[in-house]
């Protein structure tokens, strides 16, 4: 109930501010100020109660500011790139190694989400991914952006996942590693769209085979290190290292239940709550 009231308070506060500013005749400033208020309240809710989705709502509200400024498509992406980059850099720099484990997990998820937003902003062909399989029409050249900006974004689609994977492996953040791997797969999927090459029906199959071979090569490389690990990273399951096969001892126990029930059960003393000897007036037993 408290959590629901907190979230409702943010919505009502933003709606009240929007109505108040609208009565004074503001136009674009209304949406910008409401977005700033929503971001501030959501961040306060995260810092006060630790709700992870509140932090994500706050970042989303702050990132909506460039959409209220009537910017061109190129400057809109540049603004989002700067906002997400600054937030991600501050989050990485302000991360403390001595904080609690649950705070580390939340920070890692927030950083991974910011990294994913950063990559989605850079990849100009992401909206067209898979469109060539269903639409025979050719894609728009440079997607309406200047050629220099287009090819810069193409280079960043390879650079950003590489940096994300390097940081995730160095900091040992699982969420960041997963986001980096997904970004690599998306980069490979949109590579032909960037280069204007034709898609074929067997392209996804080739990508899947390449990913399987890459995973097997990574497992083999990690297993070839000392102690089946390299630089503190291993492919072994550290939580449950045993084989999940048939346990012969458990199978024999299940097949011969008579050995478990051998011997008589120890005698039990009568319960003091039987025969009406306890409780109520006139109880005969003392406690």
C-alpha atoms as a PDB file:
ATOM      1  CA  UNK A   1       0.000   0.000   0.000  1.00  0.00           C
ATOM      2  CA  UNK A   2       2.803   2.413   0.864  1.00  0.00           C
ATOM      3  CA  UNK A   3       4.584   1.649  -2.398  1.00  0.00           C
ATOM      4  CA  UNK A   4       1.405   2.184  -4.415  1.00  0.00           C
ATOM      5  CA  UNK A   5       0.719   5.477  -2.651  1.00  0.00           C
ATOM      6  CA  UNK A   6       4.264   6.670  -3.316  1.00  0.00           C
ATOM      7  CA  UNK A   7       3.979   5.982  -7.039  1.00  0.00           C
ATOM      8  CA  UNK A   8       0.520   7.549  -7.147  1.00  0.00           C
ATOM      9  CA  UNK A   9       1.886  10.636  -5.407  1.00  0.00           C
ATOM     10  CA  UNK A  10       4.416  11.090  -8.232  1.00  0.00           C
ATOM     11  CA  UNK A  11       1.699  10.812 -10.891  1.00  0.00           C
ATOM     12  CA  UNK A  12      -0.646  13.214  -9.117  1.00  0.00           C
ATOM     13  CA  UNK A  13       2.144  15.729  -8.456  1.00  0.00           C
ATOM     14  CA  UNK A  14       3.170  15.745 -12.121  1.00  0.00           C
ATOM     15  CA  UNK A  15      -0.456  16.053 -13.255  1.00  0.00           C
ATOM     16  CA  UNK A  16      -1.058  18.927 -10.830  1.00  0.00           C
ATOM     17  CA  UNK A  17       2.039  20.768 -12.020  1.00  0.00           C
ATOM     18  CA  UNK A  18       0.980  20.280 -15.655  1.00  0.00           C
ATOM     19  CA  UNK A  19      -2.477  21.711 -14.981  1.00  0.00           C
ATOM     20  CA  UNK A  20      -1.013  24.616 -13.021  1.00  0.00           C
ATOM     21  CA  UNK A  21       1.406  25.562 -15.785  1.00  0.00           C
ATOM     22  CA  UNK A  22      -1.220  25.086 -18.480  1.00  0.00           C
ATOM     23  CA  UNK A  23      -3.414  27.672 -16.813  1.00  0.00           C
ATOM     24  CA  UNK A  24      -0.602  30.224 -17.284  1.00  0.00           C
ATOM     25  CA  UNK A  25      -0.336  29.626 -21.028  1.00  0.00           C
ATOM     26  CA  UNK A  26       2.938  27.675 -21.330  1.00  0.00           C
ATOM     27  CA  UNK A  27       3.456  25.359 -24.295  1.00  0.00           C
ATOM     28  CA  UNK A  28       6.660  23.275 -24.524  1.00  0.00           C
ATOM     29  CA  UNK A  29       7.886  24.402 -21.145  1.00  0.00           C
ATOM     30  CA  UNK A  30       5.027  22.469 -19.535  1.00  0.00           C
ATOM     31  CA  UNK A  31       6.243  19.101 -20.745  1.00  0.00           C
ATOM     32  CA  UNK A  32       9.864  19.897 -19.894  1.00  0.00           C
ATOM     33  CA  UNK A  33       9.111  21.009 -16.349  1.00  0.00           C
ATOM     34  CA  UNK A  34       6.785  18.077 -15.739  1.00  0.00           C
ATOM     35  CA  UNK A  35       9.492  15.708 -16.997  1.00  0.00           C
ATOM     36  CA  UNK A  36      12.055  17.294 -14.664  1.00  0.00           C
ATOM     37  CA  UNK A  37       9.641  17.024 -11.730  1.00  0.00           C
ATOM     38  CA  UNK A  38       8.905  13.379 -12.533  1.00  0.00           C
ATOM     39  CA  UNK A  39      12.617  12.594 -12.787  1.00  0.00           C
ATOM     40  CA  UNK A  40      13.376  14.323  -9.473  1.00  0.00           C
ATOM     41  CA  UNK A  41      10.537  12.613  -7.590  1.00  0.00           C
ATOM     42  CA  UNK A  42      11.345   9.195  -9.050  1.00  0.00           C
ATOM     43  CA  UNK A  43      15.028   9.518  -8.134  1.00  0.00           C
ATOM     44  CA  UNK A  44      14.043  10.595  -4.602  1.00  0.00           C
ATOM     45  CA  UNK A  45      11.763   7.561  -4.371  1.00  0.00           C
ATOM     46  CA  UNK A  46      14.647   5.307  -5.368  1.00  0.00           C
ATOM     47  CA  UNK A  47      17.081   6.895  -2.915  1.00  0.00           C
ATOM     48  CA  UNK A  48      14.541   6.802  -0.082  1.00  0.00           C
ATOM     49  CA  UNK A  49      12.940   3.370  -0.546  1.00  0.00           C
ATOM     50  CA  UNK A  50      15.235   1.606  -3.028  1.00  0.00           C
ATOM     51  CA  UNK A  51      12.622   0.805  -5.696  1.00  0.00           C
ATOM     52  CA  UNK A  52      14.620  -0.114  -8.779  1.00  0.00           C
ATOM     53  CA  UNK A  53      11.891   0.754 -11.266  1.00  0.00           C
ATOM     54  CA  UNK A  54      11.688   4.240  -9.770  1.00  0.00           C
ATOM     55  CA  UNK A  55      15.274   4.952 -10.815  1.00  0.00           C
ATOM     56  CA  UNK A  56      14.553   3.671 -14.327  1.00  0.00           C
ATOM     57  CA  UNK A  57      11.439   5.865 -14.539  1.00  0.00           C
ATOM     58  CA  UNK A  58      13.520   8.847 -13.431  1.00  0.00           C
ATOM     59  CA  UNK A  59      16.139   8.254 -16.124  1.00  0.00           C
ATOM     60  CA  UNK A  60      13.412   7.758 -18.719  1.00  0.00           C
ATOM     61  CA  UNK A  61      11.723  11.013 -17.740  1.00  0.00           C
ATOM     62  CA  UNK A  62      14.997  12.920 -17.937  1.00  0.00           C
ATOM     63  CA  UNK A  63      15.815  11.400 -21.337  1.00  0.00           C
ATOM     64  CA  UNK A  64      12.457  12.617 -22.646  1.00  0.00           C
ATOM     65  CA  UNK A  65      13.605  16.255 -22.401  1.00  0.00           C
ATOM     66  CA  UNK A  66      15.206  16.421 -25.897  1.00  0.00           C
ATOM     67  CA  UNK A  67      11.916  15.276 -27.450  1.00  0.00           C
ATOM     68  CA  UNK A  68      10.277  18.523 -26.262  1.00  0.00           C
ATOM     69  CA  UNK A  69      12.843  20.826 -27.905  1.00  0.00           C
ATOM     70  CA  UNK A  70      11.899  20.491 -31.607  1.00  0.00           C
ATOM     71  CA  UNK A  71      15.361  19.187 -32.490  1.00  0.00           C
ATOM     72  CA  UNK A  72      16.273  17.492 -35.738  1.00  0.00           C
ATOM     73  CA  UNK A  73      16.784  13.730 -35.766  1.00  0.00           C
ATOM     74  CA  UNK A  74      20.577  14.059 -35.687  1.00  0.00           C
ATOM     75  CA  UNK A  75      20.708  16.523 -32.797  1.00  0.00           C
ATOM     76  CA  UNK A  76      18.073  14.528 -30.950  1.00  0.00           C
ATOM     77  CA  UNK A  77      20.275  11.442 -31.001  1.00  0.00           C
ATOM     78  CA  UNK A  78      23.332  13.485 -30.062  1.00  0.00           C
ATOM     79  CA  UNK A  79      21.472  14.917 -27.057  1.00  0.00           C
ATOM     80  CA  UNK A  80      20.342  11.473 -25.937  1.00  0.00           C
ATOM     81  CA  UNK A  81      23.856  10.146 -26.417  1.00  0.00           C
ATOM     82  CA  UNK A  82      25.291  12.870 -24.201  1.00  0.00           C
ATOM     83  CA  UNK A  83      22.634  12.454 -21.494  1.00  0.00           C
ATOM     84  CA  UNK A  84      22.942   8.668 -21.312  1.00  0.00           C
ATOM     85  CA  UNK A  85      26.733   8.826 -21.539  1.00  0.00           C
ATOM     86  CA  UNK A  86      26.989  11.306 -18.667  1.00  0.00           C
ATOM     87  CA  UNK A  87      24.597   9.276 -16.492  1.00  0.00           C
ATOM     88  CA  UNK A  88      26.464   6.046 -17.224  1.00  0.00           C
ATOM     89  CA  UNK A  89      29.846   7.640 -16.535  1.00  0.00           C
ATOM     90  CA  UNK A  90      28.655   9.128 -13.247  1.00  0.00           C
ATOM     91  CA  UNK A  91      27.138   5.803 -12.205  1.00  0.00           C
ATOM     92  CA  UNK A  92      30.397   3.976 -12.897  1.00  0.00           C
ATOM     93  CA  UNK A  93      32.551   6.605 -11.180  1.00  0.00           C
ATOM     94  CA  UNK A  94      30.314   6.830  -8.093  1.00  0.00           C
ATOM     95  CA  UNK A  95      30.121   3.057  -7.601  1.00  0.00           C
ATOM     96  CA  UNK A  96      31.707   2.102  -4.279  1.00  0.00           C
ATOM     97  CA  UNK A  97      33.257  -1.359  -3.857  1.00  0.00           C
ATOM     98  CA  UNK A  98      32.392  -1.539  -0.151  1.00  0.00           C
ATOM     99  CA  UNK A  99      28.599  -1.211  -0.467  1.00  0.00           C
ATOM    100  CA  UNK A 100      26.136  -3.994   0.251  1.00  0.00           C
ATOM    101  CA  UNK A 101      25.559  -6.783  -2.254  1.00  0.00           C
ATOM    102  CA  UNK A 102      21.965  -5.788  -3.028  1.00  0.00           C
ATOM    103  CA  UNK A 103      23.061  -2.219  -3.789  1.00  0.00           C
ATOM    104  CA  UNK A 104      25.727  -3.548  -6.151  1.00  0.00           C
ATOM    105  CA  UNK A 105      23.112  -5.612  -7.980  1.00  0.00           C
ATOM    106  CA  UNK A 106      20.822  -2.614  -8.376  1.00  0.00           C
ATOM    107  CA  UNK A 107      23.659  -0.408  -9.603  1.00  0.00           C
ATOM    108  CA  UNK A 108      24.696  -3.089 -12.076  1.00  0.00           C
ATOM    109  CA  UNK A 109      21.161  -3.329 -13.485  1.00  0.00           C
ATOM    110  CA  UNK A 110      20.899   0.459 -13.783  1.00  0.00           C
ATOM    111  CA  UNK A 111      24.249   0.636 -15.566  1.00  0.00           C
ATOM    112  CA  UNK A 112      23.242  -2.162 -17.939  1.00  0.00           C
ATOM    113  CA  UNK A 113      19.979  -0.379 -18.789  1.00  0.00           C
ATOM    114  CA  UNK A 114      21.825   2.890 -19.431  1.00  0.00           C
ATOM    115  CA  UNK A 115      24.302   1.035 -21.611  1.00  0.00           C
ATOM    116  CA  UNK A 116      21.454  -0.568 -23.587  1.00  0.00           C
ATOM    117  CA  UNK A 117      19.841   2.845 -24.078  1.00  0.00           C
ATOM    118  CA  UNK A 118      23.182   4.252 -25.217  1.00  0.00           C
ATOM    119  CA  UNK A 119      23.569   1.524 -27.814  1.00  0.00           C
ATOM    120  CA  UNK A 120      19.984   1.867 -29.066  1.00  0.00           C
ATOM    121  CA  UNK A 121      20.583   5.589 -29.538  1.00  0.00           C
ATOM    122  CA  UNK A 122      23.737   4.983 -31.583  1.00  0.00           C
ATOM    123  CA  UNK A 123      22.432   2.219 -33.860  1.00  0.00           C
ATOM    124  CA  UNK A 124      20.578   4.009 -36.651  1.00  0.00           C
ATOM    125  CA  UNK A 125      19.540   0.777 -38.379  1.00  0.00           C
ATOM    126  CA  UNK A 126      17.870  -0.711 -35.325  1.00  0.00           C
ATOM    127  CA  UNK A 127      14.322   0.292 -36.431  1.00  0.00           C
ATOM    128  CA  UNK A 128      14.993  -1.370 -39.805  1.00  0.00           C
ATOM    129  CA  UNK A 129      16.333  -4.634 -38.359  1.00  0.00           C
ATOM    130  CA  UNK A 130      14.561  -7.524 -40.024  1.00  0.00           C
ATOM    131  CA  UNK A 131      12.530  -5.260 -42.300  1.00  0.00           C
ATOM    132  CA  UNK A 132      14.382  -6.492 -45.391  1.00  0.00           C
ATOM    133  CA  UNK A 133      13.020 -10.000 -44.823  1.00  0.00           C
ATOM    134  CA  UNK A 134       9.414  -8.792 -45.114  1.00  0.00           C
ATOM    135  CA  UNK A 135       9.630  -5.721 -47.366  1.00  0.00           C
ATOM    136  CA  UNK A 136      11.287  -6.039 -50.773  1.00  0.00           C
ATOM    137  CA  UNK A 137      11.734  -2.285 -51.015  1.00  0.00           C
ATOM    138  CA  UNK A 138      15.307  -1.020 -50.519  1.00  0.00           C
ATOM    139  CA  UNK A 139      16.167   0.707 -47.284  1.00  0.00           C
ATOM    140  CA  UNK A 140      16.531   4.455 -47.140  1.00  0.00           C
ATOM    141  CA  UNK A 141      20.139   5.469 -47.825  1.00  0.00           C
ATOM    142  CA  UNK A 142      21.864   6.738 -44.672  1.00  0.00           C
ATOM    143  CA  UNK A 143      18.391   6.608 -42.996  1.00  0.00           C
ATOM    144  CA  UNK A 144      18.039  10.340 -43.624  1.00  0.00           C
ATOM    145  CA  UNK A 145      21.210  11.342 -41.728  1.00  0.00           C
ATOM    146  CA  UNK A 146      24.379  12.988 -43.064  1.00  0.00           C
ATOM    147  CA  UNK A 147      26.932  10.441 -44.365  1.00  0.00           C
ATOM    148  CA  UNK A 148      29.581  11.429 -41.794  1.00  0.00           C
ATOM    149  CA  UNK A 149      27.142  10.960 -38.924  1.00  0.00           C
ATOM    150  CA  UNK A 150      25.935   7.683 -40.444  1.00  0.00           C
ATOM    151  CA  UNK A 151      29.379   6.102 -40.720  1.00  0.00           C
ATOM    152  CA  UNK A 152      30.370   7.407 -37.285  1.00  0.00           C
ATOM    153  CA  UNK A 153      27.372   5.617 -35.806  1.00  0.00           C
ATOM    154  CA  UNK A 154      28.385   2.477 -37.733  1.00  0.00           C
ATOM    155  CA  UNK A 155      31.810   2.538 -36.094  1.00  0.00           C
ATOM    156  CA  UNK A 156      30.243   3.148 -32.678  1.00  0.00           C
ATOM    157  CA  UNK A 157      28.011   0.087 -33.045  1.00  0.00           C
ATOM    158  CA  UNK A 158      31.205  -2.000 -32.884  1.00  0.00           C
ATOM    159  CA  UNK A 159      33.102   0.153 -30.399  1.00  0.00           C
ATOM    160  CA  UNK A 160      30.401   0.497 -27.724  1.00  0.00           C
ATOM    161  CA  UNK A 161      29.717  -3.275 -27.330  1.00  0.00           C
ATOM    162  CA  UNK A 162      33.469  -3.940 -27.161  1.00  0.00           C
ATOM    163  CA  UNK A 163      33.909  -1.338 -24.400  1.00  0.00           C
ATOM    164  CA  UNK A 164      30.835  -2.670 -22.592  1.00  0.00           C
ATOM    165  CA  UNK A 165      32.117  -6.247 -22.658  1.00  0.00           C
ATOM    166  CA  UNK A 166      35.559  -5.152 -21.488  1.00  0.00           C
ATOM    167  CA  UNK A 167      34.118  -3.212 -18.554  1.00  0.00           C
ATOM    168  CA  UNK A 168      31.667  -5.977 -17.660  1.00  0.00           C
ATOM    169  CA  UNK A 169      34.404  -8.609 -17.593  1.00  0.00           C
ATOM    170  CA  UNK A 170      36.770  -6.350 -15.665  1.00  0.00           C
ATOM    171  CA  UNK A 171      34.164  -5.343 -13.083  1.00  0.00           C
ATOM    172  CA  UNK A 172      32.583  -8.836 -13.126  1.00  0.00           C
ATOM    173  CA  UNK A 173      29.083  -7.493 -13.614  1.00  0.00           C
ATOM    174  CA  UNK A 174      26.804 -10.128 -15.067  1.00  0.00           C
ATOM    175  CA  UNK A 175      24.110  -7.686 -16.217  1.00  0.00           C
ATOM    176  CA  UNK A 176      26.657  -5.578 -18.090  1.00  0.00           C
ATOM    177  CA  UNK A 177      28.142  -8.658 -19.779  1.00  0.00           C
ATOM    178  CA  UNK A 178      24.687  -9.809 -20.916  1.00  0.00           C
ATOM    179  CA  UNK A 179      23.905  -6.334 -22.286  1.00  0.00           C
ATOM    180  CA  UNK A 180      27.241  -6.284 -24.119  1.00  0.00           C
ATOM    181  CA  UNK A 181      26.670  -9.709 -25.692  1.00  0.00           C
ATOM    182  CA  UNK A 182      23.162  -8.718 -26.821  1.00  0.00           C
ATOM    183  CA  UNK A 183      24.613  -5.524 -28.329  1.00  0.00           C
ATOM    184  CA  UNK A 184      27.179  -7.591 -30.262  1.00  0.00           C
ATOM    185  CA  UNK A 185      24.429  -9.825 -31.672  1.00  0.00           C
ATOM    186  CA  UNK A 186      22.347  -6.794 -32.695  1.00  0.00           C
ATOM    187  CA  UNK A 187      25.407  -5.235 -34.359  1.00  0.00           C
ATOM    188  CA  UNK A 188      25.955  -8.369 -36.407  1.00  0.00           C
ATOM    189  CA  UNK A 189      22.248  -8.437 -37.292  1.00  0.00           C
ATOM    190  CA  UNK A 190      22.222  -4.830 -38.580  1.00  0.00           C
ATOM    191  CA  UNK A 191      25.595  -4.972 -40.312  1.00  0.00           C
ATOM    192  CA  UNK A 192      24.116  -5.748 -43.724  1.00  0.00           C
ATOM    193  CA  UNK A 193      21.558  -2.974 -43.356  1.00  0.00           C
ATOM    194  CA  UNK A 194      24.340  -0.475 -42.665  1.00  0.00           C
ATOM    195  CA  UNK A 195      26.338  -1.625 -45.680  1.00  0.00           C
ATOM    196  CA  UNK A 196      23.291  -1.819 -47.948  1.00  0.00           C
ATOM    197  CA  UNK A 197      23.750  -5.530 -48.631  1.00  0.00           C
ATOM    198  CA  UNK A 198      20.999  -7.945 -49.521  1.00  0.00           C
ATOM    199  CA  UNK A 199      19.538 -10.255 -46.879  1.00  0.00           C
ATOM    200  CA  UNK A 200      19.007 -13.954 -47.478  1.00  0.00           C
ATOM    201  CA  UNK A 201      16.775 -16.478 -45.751  1.00  0.00           C
ATOM    202  CA  UNK A 202      19.766 -18.347 -44.335  1.00  0.00           C
ATOM    203  CA  UNK A 203      21.331 -15.305 -42.635  1.00  0.00           C
ATOM    204  CA  UNK A 204      19.773 -16.045 -39.188  1.00  0.00           C
ATOM    205  CA  UNK A 205      20.921 -19.671 -39.418  1.00  0.00           C
ATOM    206  CA  UNK A 206      24.480 -18.588 -40.174  1.00  0.00           C
ATOM    207  CA  UNK A 207      24.370 -16.148 -37.257  1.00  0.00           C
ATOM    208  CA  UNK A 208      23.090 -18.872 -34.923  1.00  0.00           C
ATOM    209  CA  UNK A 209      25.812 -21.314 -35.971  1.00  0.00           C
ATOM    210  CA  UNK A 210      28.433 -18.598 -35.491  1.00  0.00           C
ATOM    211  CA  UNK A 211      27.140 -17.866 -31.983  1.00  0.00           C
ATOM    212  CA  UNK A 212      27.193 -21.570 -31.039  1.00  0.00           C
ATOM    213  CA  UNK A 213      30.751 -21.949 -32.337  1.00  0.00           C
ATOM    214  CA  UNK A 214      31.805 -18.810 -30.495  1.00  0.00           C
ATOM    215  CA  UNK A 215      30.304 -20.120 -27.242  1.00  0.00           C
ATOM    216  CA  UNK A 216      32.038 -23.479 -27.633  1.00  0.00           C
ATOM    217  CA  UNK A 217      35.364 -21.782 -28.395  1.00  0.00           C
ATOM    218  CA  UNK A 218      34.976 -19.579 -25.309  1.00  0.00           C
ATOM    219  CA  UNK A 219      34.217 -22.579 -23.084  1.00  0.00           C
ATOM    220  CA  UNK A 220      37.212 -24.471 -24.475  1.00  0.00           C
ATOM    221  CA  UNK A 221      39.483 -21.471 -23.983  1.00  0.00           C
ATOM    222  CA  UNK A 222      38.357 -20.990 -20.363  1.00  0.00           C
ATOM    223  CA  UNK A 223      38.658 -24.697 -19.587  1.00  0.00           C
ATOM    224  CA  UNK A 224      42.225 -24.749 -20.935  1.00  0.00           C
ATOM    225  CA  UNK A 225      43.445 -22.331 -18.268  1.00  0.00           C
ATOM    226  CA  UNK A 226      44.897 -23.167 -14.882  1.00  0.00           C
ATOM    227  CA  UNK A 227      42.145 -24.559 -12.694  1.00  0.00           C
ATOM    228  CA  UNK A 228      39.745 -24.335 -15.668  1.00  0.00           C
ATOM    229  CA  UNK A 229      39.651 -20.543 -15.353  1.00  0.00           C
ATOM    230  CA  UNK A 230      41.333 -17.493 -16.814  1.00  0.00           C
ATOM    231  CA  UNK A 231      41.612 -14.185 -14.969  1.00  0.00           C
ATOM    232  CA  UNK A 232      39.079 -15.339 -12.373  1.00  0.00           C
ATOM    233  CA  UNK A 233      36.449 -16.326 -14.972  1.00  0.00           C
ATOM    234  CA  UNK A 234      35.404 -19.934 -15.394  1.00  0.00           C
ATOM    235  CA  UNK A 235      32.833 -21.870 -17.378  1.00  0.00           C
ATOM    236  CA  UNK A 236      32.249 -24.321 -14.511  1.00  0.00           C
ATOM    237  CA  UNK A 237      29.104 -24.110 -12.405  1.00  0.00           C
ATOM    238  CA  UNK A 238      30.409 -23.045  -9.004  1.00  0.00           C
ATOM    239  CA  UNK A 239      27.050 -23.270  -7.235  1.00  0.00           C
ATOM    240  CA  UNK A 240      26.173 -26.864  -8.213  1.00  0.00           C
ATOM    241  CA  UNK A 241      29.315 -28.538  -9.573  1.00  0.00           C
ATOM    242  CA  UNK A 242      28.021 -32.100  -9.212  1.00  0.00           C
ATOM    243  CA  UNK A 243      26.494 -34.026 -12.096  1.00  0.00           C
ATOM    244  CA  UNK A 244      22.719 -34.052 -12.193  1.00  0.00           C
ATOM    245  CA  UNK A 245      22.486 -37.740 -13.108  1.00  0.00           C
ATOM    246  CA  UNK A 246      21.014 -40.750 -11.332  1.00  0.00           C
ATOM    247  CA  UNK A 247      22.207 -41.024  -7.763  1.00  0.00           C
ATOM    248  CA  UNK A 248      22.702 -44.777  -7.165  1.00  0.00           C
ATOM    249  CA  UNK A 249      22.531 -44.436  -3.386  1.00  0.00           C
ATOM    250  CA  UNK A 250      19.238 -42.547  -3.530  1.00  0.00           C
ATOM    251  CA  UNK A 251      17.881 -45.082  -6.043  1.00  0.00           C
ATOM    252  CA  UNK A 252      18.765 -48.010  -3.783  1.00  0.00           C
ATOM    253  CA  UNK A 253      17.143 -46.293  -0.817  1.00  0.00           C
ATOM    254  CA  UNK A 254      13.948 -45.723  -2.776  1.00  0.00           C
ATOM    255  CA  UNK A 255      13.812 -49.341  -3.938  1.00  0.00           C
ATOM    256  CA  UNK A 256      14.299 -50.832  -0.435  1.00  0.00           C
ATOM    257  CA  UNK A 257      12.088 -48.804   1.920  1.00  0.00           C
ATOM    258  CA  UNK A 258      12.005 -51.560   4.566  1.00  0.00           C
ATOM    259  CA  UNK A 259      15.492 -50.702   5.761  1.00  0.00           C
ATOM    260  CA  UNK A 260      14.428 -47.195   6.606  1.00  0.00           C
ATOM    261  CA  UNK A 261      11.528 -48.268   8.782  1.00  0.00           C
ATOM    262  CA  UNK A 262      13.539 -50.936  10.641  1.00  0.00           C
ATOM    263  CA  UNK A 263      13.044 -50.752  14.387  1.00  0.00           C
ATOM    264  CA  UNK A 264      10.137 -49.422  16.357  1.00  0.00           C
ATOM    265  CA  UNK A 265       9.378 -45.787  16.847  1.00  0.00           C
ATOM    266  CA  UNK A 266      10.338 -44.415  20.293  1.00  0.00           C
ATOM    267  CA  UNK A 267       7.449 -44.172  22.749  1.00  0.00           C
ATOM    268  CA  UNK A 268       5.874 -40.755  23.044  1.00  0.00           C
ATOM    269  CA  UNK A 269       4.584 -39.209  26.246  1.00  0.00           C
ATOM    270  CA  UNK A 270       0.883 -38.368  26.294  1.00  0.00           C
ATOM    271  CA  UNK A 271      -0.020 -34.838  25.375  1.00  0.00           C
ATOM    272  CA  UNK A 272      -0.956 -32.614  28.319  1.00  0.00           C
ATOM    273  CA  UNK A 273      -3.873 -31.276  26.251  1.00  0.00           C
ATOM    274  CA  UNK A 274      -5.740 -34.601  26.120  1.00  0.00           C
ATOM    275  CA  UNK A 275      -8.737 -35.766  28.209  1.00  0.00           C
ATOM    276  CA  UNK A 276      -9.586 -32.247  29.288  1.00  0.00           C
ATOM    277  CA  UNK A 277      -6.850 -32.137  31.913  1.00  0.00           C
ATOM    278  CA  UNK A 278      -5.506 -28.718  30.986  1.00  0.00           C
ATOM    279  CA  UNK A 279      -6.896 -25.369  30.004  1.00  0.00           C
ATOM    280  CA  UNK A 280      -9.858 -23.535  31.410  1.00  0.00           C
ATOM    281  CA  UNK A 281     -10.899 -23.535  35.038  1.00  0.00           C
ATOM    282  CA  UNK A 282      -9.925 -26.378  37.311  1.00  0.00           C
ATOM    283  CA  UNK A 283      -6.828 -27.492  35.373  1.00  0.00           C
ATOM    284  CA  UNK A 284      -5.076 -30.356  37.155  1.00  0.00           C
ATOM    285  CA  UNK A 285      -1.616 -29.877  35.561  1.00  0.00           C
ATOM    286  CA  UNK A 286       0.762 -27.113  36.535  1.00  0.00           C
ATOM    287  CA  UNK A 287       2.984 -25.217  34.097  1.00  0.00           C
END
